[in-house]
Amino acid sequence: MSVAQNISFQLLKASMMAFINSLILAFFQTNARKKIITLHNYLEEKKRIKNEN
């Protein structure tokens, strides 16, 4: 459950940064993208079944 809460909180932060960036282009220009990349890396670490590609 803590993994799901962490992912949810990280997505909330990324969406807020993207929303603020849509209103004021000078803020959070790359932070939302960096947050999504960080979240993707976190999910890859937590993945229990790895793809064999």
C-alpha atoms as a PDB file:
ATOM      1  CA  MET A   1       0.000   0.000   0.000  1.00  0.00           C
ATOM      2  CA  SER A   2       2.846   2.392   0.697  1.00  0.00           C
ATOM      3  CA  VAL A   3       4.119   1.883  -2.863  1.00  0.00           C
ATOM      4  CA  ALA A   4       0.723   2.877  -4.251  1.00  0.00           C
ATOM      5  CA  GLN A   5       0.587   5.943  -2.009  1.00  0.00           C
ATOM      6  CA  ASN A   6       4.079   6.980  -3.074  1.00  0.00           C
ATOM      7  CA  ILE A   7       3.200   6.630  -6.758  1.00  0.00           C
ATOM      8  CA  SER A   8      -0.035   8.542  -6.260  1.00  0.00           C
ATOM      9  CA  PHE A   9       1.729  11.381  -4.460  1.00  0.00           C
ATOM     10  CA  GLN A  10       4.446  11.597  -7.126  1.00  0.00           C
ATOM     11  CA  LEU A  11       1.805  11.728  -9.882  1.00  0.00           C
ATOM     12  CA  LEU A  12      -0.058  14.453  -8.006  1.00  0.00           C
ATOM     13  CA  LYS A  13       3.127  16.539  -7.748  1.00  0.00           C
ATOM     14  CA  ALA A  14       3.900  16.046 -11.458  1.00  0.00           C
ATOM     15  CA  SER A  15       0.377  17.007 -12.496  1.00  0.00           C
ATOM     16  CA  MET A  16       0.472  20.150 -10.348  1.00  0.00           C
ATOM     17  CA  MET A  17       3.810  21.154 -11.887  1.00  0.00           C
ATOM     18  CA  ALA A  18       2.471  20.545 -15.404  1.00  0.00           C
ATOM     19  CA  PHE A  19      -0.666  22.583 -14.639  1.00  0.00           C
ATOM     20  CA  ILE A  20       1.324  25.530 -13.279  1.00  0.00           C
ATOM     21  CA  ASN A  21       3.622  25.311 -16.302  1.00  0.00           C
ATOM     22  CA  SER A  22       0.594  25.506 -18.601  1.00  0.00           C
ATOM     23  CA  LEU A  23      -0.461  28.756 -16.916  1.00  0.00           C
ATOM     24  CA  ILE A  24       2.952  30.373 -16.482  1.00  0.00           C
ATOM     25  CA  LEU A  25       5.500  28.995 -18.912  1.00  0.00           C
ATOM     26  CA  ALA A  26       8.515  30.191 -16.910  1.00  0.00           C
ATOM     27  CA  PHE A  27       7.807  27.825 -13.989  1.00  0.00           C
ATOM     28  CA  PHE A  28       8.550  24.084 -13.915  1.00  0.00           C
ATOM     29  CA  GLN A  29       9.687  23.876 -17.534  1.00  0.00           C
ATOM     30  CA  THR A  30      11.552  20.606 -17.072  1.00  0.00           C
ATOM     31  CA  ASN A  31      10.606  19.544 -13.535  1.00  0.00           C
ATOM     32  CA  ALA A  32       7.400  17.740 -14.551  1.00  0.00           C
ATOM     33  CA  ARG A  33       9.311  15.737 -17.165  1.00  0.00           C
ATOM     34  CA  LYS A  34      12.067  14.918 -14.668  1.00  0.00           C
ATOM     35  CA  LYS A  35       9.455  13.824 -12.102  1.00  0.00           C
ATOM     36  CA  ILE A  36       7.847  11.461 -14.619  1.00  0.00           C
ATOM     37  CA  ILE A  37      11.250   9.978 -15.508  1.00  0.00           C
ATOM     38  CA  THR A  38      12.037   9.532 -11.805  1.00  0.00           C
ATOM     39  CA  LEU A  39       8.673   7.861 -11.259  1.00  0.00           C
ATOM     40  CA  HIS A  40       9.270   5.544 -14.215  1.00  0.00           C
ATOM     41  CA  ASN A  41      12.646   4.509 -12.785  1.00  0.00           C
ATOM     42  CA  TYR A  42      11.020   3.893  -9.395  1.00  0.00           C
ATOM     43  CA  LEU A  43       8.366   1.694 -10.985  1.00  0.00           C
ATOM     44  CA  GLU A  44      10.999  -0.271 -12.887  1.00  0.00           C
ATOM     45  CA  GLU A  45      12.827  -0.962  -9.615  1.00  0.00           C
ATOM     46  CA  LYS A  46       9.612  -2.118  -7.938  1.00  0.00           C
ATOM     47  CA  LYS A  47       8.517  -4.314 -10.840  1.00  0.00           C
ATOM     48  CA  ARG A  48       8.360  -7.868  -9.571  1.00  0.00           C
ATOM     49  CA  ILE A  49       8.197  -9.619 -12.934  1.00  0.00           C
ATOM     50  CA  LYS A  50      10.789  -8.395 -15.431  1.00  0.00           C
ATOM     51  CA  ASN A  51      10.163  -8.607 -19.174  1.00  0.00           C
ATOM     52  CA  GLU A  52      12.563 -10.856 -21.015  1.00  0.00           C
ATOM     53  CA  ASN A  53      13.073  -8.575 -24.046  1.00  0.00           C
END
